[in-house]
Amino acid sequence: MKKVTKRYNLPVVVERDRHGYFAYCPELQGCYTQGDTYEEVFKNISDAILLHIKDRRGERMELPSLVSLSTIEVAA
Protein backbone atom coordinates (compact mmCIF):
# COMPACT_ATOMS: atom_id res chain seq x y z
CA MET A 1 0.00 0.00 0.00
CA LYS A 2 1.38 3.40 -1.01
CA LYS A 3 1.68 6.04 1.72
CA VAL A 4 -0.29 9.21 0.95
CA THR A 5 1.56 12.46 1.59
CA LYS A 6 -0.54 15.47 2.52
CA ARG A 7 0.71 18.86 1.35
CA TYR A 8 0.30 22.10 3.27
CA ASN A 9 0.68 25.71 2.13
CA LEU A 10 1.52 27.67 5.24
CA PRO A 11 2.37 31.35 5.70
CA VAL A 12 5.89 32.13 6.90
CA VAL A 13 7.22 35.45 8.17
CA VAL A 14 10.94 36.18 7.77
CA GLU A 15 12.49 39.15 9.54
CA ARG A 16 16.03 40.46 9.35
CA ASP A 17 17.98 42.06 12.17
CA ARG A 18 21.62 42.79 12.90
CA HIS A 19 22.21 39.18 14.01
CA GLY A 20 20.78 37.47 10.91
CA TYR A 21 17.27 36.24 10.15
CA PHE A 22 14.32 35.09 12.23
CA ALA A 23 11.36 33.15 10.82
CA TYR A 24 8.08 31.88 12.18
CA CYS A 25 4.87 30.29 11.00
CA PRO A 26 1.92 32.28 12.40
CA GLU A 27 -0.43 29.35 11.85
CA LEU A 28 1.62 27.02 14.07
CA GLN A 29 2.05 28.56 17.51
CA GLY A 30 5.61 28.18 18.79
CA CYS A 31 7.04 27.23 15.40
CA TYR A 32 10.02 29.52 14.83
CA THR A 33 13.73 29.48 14.05
CA GLN A 34 16.70 31.63 13.10
CA GLY A 35 19.61 31.58 10.67
CA ASP A 36 22.58 33.57 9.46
CA THR A 37 21.29 33.87 5.88
CA TYR A 38 17.89 34.01 4.22
CA GLU A 39 18.47 30.63 2.63
CA GLU A 40 19.47 29.10 5.95
CA VAL A 41 16.47 30.47 7.85
CA PHE A 42 14.11 29.36 5.09
CA LYS A 43 15.47 25.80 5.26
CA ASN A 44 15.32 25.91 9.06
CA ILE A 45 11.67 27.04 9.14
CA SER A 46 10.77 24.34 6.61
CA ASP A 47 12.38 21.74 8.90
CA ALA A 48 10.68 23.23 11.98
CA ILE A 49 7.26 23.14 10.28
CA LEU A 50 7.75 19.52 9.25
CA LEU A 51 8.73 18.51 12.79
CA HIS A 52 5.79 20.48 14.22
CA ILE A 53 3.31 18.72 11.91
CA LYS A 54 4.79 15.28 12.64
CA ASP A 55 4.62 15.95 16.38
CA ARG A 56 0.95 17.03 16.18
CA ARG A 57 0.11 13.95 14.13
CA GLY A 58 1.88 11.74 16.67
CA GLU A 59 -0.23 13.29 19.43
CA ARG A 60 -3.35 12.96 17.24
CA MET A 61 -3.87 16.71 17.37
CA GLU A 62 -5.51 18.60 14.53
CA LEU A 63 -3.64 21.32 12.76
CA PRO A 64 -5.16 24.75 13.24
CA SER A 65 -6.83 26.31 10.21
CA LEU A 66 -5.91 29.81 9.18
CA VAL A 67 -8.78 32.28 9.51
CA SER A 68 -7.10 35.32 8.02
CA LEU A 69 -3.71 36.49 6.86
CA SER A 70 -3.88 40.18 6.11
CA THR A 71 -1.79 43.32 5.92
CA ILE A 72 -2.68 46.64 7.45
CA GLU A 73 -1.36 50.11 6.71
CA VAL A 74 -0.72 52.57 9.51
CA ALA A 75 0.69 56.08 9.49
CA ALA A 76 3.29 56.82 12.13
C-alpha atoms as a PDB file:
ATOM      1  CA  MET A   1       0.000   0.000   0.000  1.00  0.00           C
ATOM      2  CA  LYS A   2       1.376   3.400  -1.010  1.00  0.00           C
ATOM      3  CA  LYS A   3       1.679   6.039   1.719  1.00  0.00           C
ATOM      4  CA  VAL A   4      -0.287   9.213   0.946  1.00  0.00           C
ATOM      5  CA  THR A   5       1.563  12.462   1.593  1.00  0.00           C
ATOM      6  CA  LYS A   6      -0.537  15.468   2.520  1.00  0.00           C
ATOM      7  CA  ARG A   7       0.711  18.856   1.355  1.00  0.00           C
ATOM      8  CA  TYR A   8       0.295  22.105   3.268  1.00  0.00           C
ATOM      9  CA  ASN A   9       0.675  25.706   2.127  1.00  0.00           C
ATOM     10  CA  LEU A  10       1.519  27.671   5.244  1.00  0.00           C
ATOM     11  CA  PRO A  11       2.371  31.347   5.698  1.00  0.00           C
ATOM     12  CA  VAL A  12       5.889  32.130   6.896  1.00  0.00           C
ATOM     13  CA  VAL A  13       7.219  35.450   8.171  1.00  0.00           C
ATOM     14  CA  VAL A  14      10.939  36.179   7.767  1.00  0.00           C
ATOM     15  CA  GLU A  15      12.491  39.151   9.545  1.00  0.00           C
ATOM     16  CA  ARG A  16      16.030  40.460   9.349  1.00  0.00           C
ATOM     17  CA  ASP A  17      17.983  42.060  12.167  1.00  0.00           C
ATOM     18  CA  ARG A  18      21.616  42.787  12.902  1.00  0.00           C
ATOM     19  CA  HIS A  19      22.208  39.178  14.010  1.00  0.00           C
ATOM     20  CA  GLY A  20      20.784  37.473  10.914  1.00  0.00           C
ATOM     21  CA  TYR A  21      17.275  36.235  10.153  1.00  0.00           C
ATOM     22  CA  PHE A  22      14.321  35.089  12.226  1.00  0.00           C
ATOM     23  CA  ALA A  23      11.358  33.155  10.816  1.00  0.00           C
ATOM     24  CA  TYR A  24       8.078  31.877  12.178  1.00  0.00           C
ATOM     25  CA  CYS A  25       4.868  30.293  10.996  1.00  0.00           C
ATOM     26  CA  PRO A  26       1.921  32.278  12.398  1.00  0.00           C
ATOM     27  CA  GLU A  27      -0.434  29.347  11.852  1.00  0.00           C
ATOM     28  CA  LEU A  28       1.624  27.022  14.074  1.00  0.00           C
ATOM     29  CA  GLN A  29       2.053  28.558  17.506  1.00  0.00           C
ATOM     30  CA  GLY A  30       5.606  28.176  18.790  1.00  0.00           C
ATOM     31  CA  CYS A  31       7.039  27.230  15.399  1.00  0.00           C
ATOM     32  CA  TYR A  32      10.018  29.520  14.828  1.00  0.00           C
ATOM     33  CA  THR A  33      13.733  29.477  14.049  1.00  0.00           C
ATOM     34  CA  GLN A  34      16.704  31.628  13.100  1.00  0.00           C
ATOM     35  CA  GLY A  35      19.614  31.583  10.670  1.00  0.00           C
ATOM     36  CA  ASP A  36      22.581  33.574   9.461  1.00  0.00           C
ATOM     37  CA  THR A  37      21.293  33.874   5.876  1.00  0.00           C
ATOM     38  CA  TYR A  38      17.886  34.008   4.219  1.00  0.00           C
ATOM     39  CA  GLU A  39      18.474  30.635   2.625  1.00  0.00           C
ATOM     40  CA  GLU A  40      19.474  29.096   5.954  1.00  0.00           C
ATOM     41  CA  VAL A  41      16.471  30.473   7.853  1.00  0.00           C
ATOM     42  CA  PHE A  42      14.109  29.356   5.092  1.00  0.00           C
ATOM     43  CA  LYS A  43      15.472  25.805   5.260  1.00  0.00           C
ATOM     44  CA  ASN A  44      15.323  25.910   9.059  1.00  0.00           C
ATOM     45  CA  ILE A  45      11.674  27.036   9.141  1.00  0.00           C
ATOM     46  CA  SER A  46      10.770  24.336   6.613  1.00  0.00           C
ATOM     47  CA  ASP A  47      12.378  21.745   8.902  1.00  0.00           C
ATOM     48  CA  ALA A  48      10.679  23.234  11.976  1.00  0.00           C
ATOM     49  CA  ILE A  49       7.259  23.141  10.278  1.00  0.00           C
ATOM     50  CA  LEU A  50       7.747  19.515   9.250  1.00  0.00           C
ATOM     51  CA  LEU A  51       8.728  18.515  12.793  1.00  0.00           C
ATOM     52  CA  HIS A  52       5.787  20.485  14.220  1.00  0.00           C
ATOM     53  CA  ILE A  53       3.312  18.719  11.914  1.00  0.00           C
ATOM     54  CA  LYS A  54       4.793  15.276  12.637  1.00  0.00           C
ATOM     55  CA  ASP A  55       4.616  15.950  16.377  1.00  0.00           C
ATOM     56  CA  ARG A  56       0.953  17.032  16.181  1.00  0.00           C
ATOM     57  CA  ARG A  57       0.108  13.947  14.129  1.00  0.00           C
ATOM     58  CA  GLY A  58       1.882  11.744  16.672  1.00  0.00           C
ATOM     59  CA  GLU A  59      -0.231  13.291  19.432  1.00  0.00           C
ATOM     60  CA  ARG A  60      -3.348  12.956  17.236  1.00  0.00           C
ATOM     61  CA  MET A  61      -3.873  16.713  17.372  1.00  0.00           C
ATOM     62  CA  GLU A  62      -5.511  18.599  14.534  1.00  0.00           C
ATOM     63  CA  LEU A  63      -3.637  21.320  12.758  1.00  0.00           C
ATOM     64  CA  PRO A  64      -5.156  24.751  13.240  1.00  0.00           C
ATOM     65  CA  SER A  65      -6.832  26.307  10.214  1.00  0.00           C
ATOM     66  CA  LEU A  66      -5.915  29.813   9.183  1.00  0.00           C
ATOM     67  CA  VAL A  67      -8.775  32.279   9.513  1.00  0.00           C
ATOM     68  CA  SER A  68      -7.101  35.325   8.015  1.00  0.00           C
ATOM     69  CA  LEU A  69      -3.710  36.492   6.860  1.00  0.00           C
ATOM     70  CA  SER A  70      -3.880  40.181   6.107  1.00  0.00           C
ATOM     71  CA  THR A  71      -1.795  43.316   5.920  1.00  0.00           C
ATOM     72  CA  ILE A  72      -2.679  46.637   7.453  1.00  0.00           C
ATOM     73  CA  GLU A  73      -1.361  50.112   6.708  1.00  0.00           C
ATOM     74  CA  VAL A  74      -0.721  52.569   9.512  1.00  0.00           C
ATOM     75  CA  ALA A  75       0.693  56.083   9.489  1.00  0.00           C
ATOM     76  CA  ALA A  76       3.292  56.819  12.129  1.00  0.00           C
END
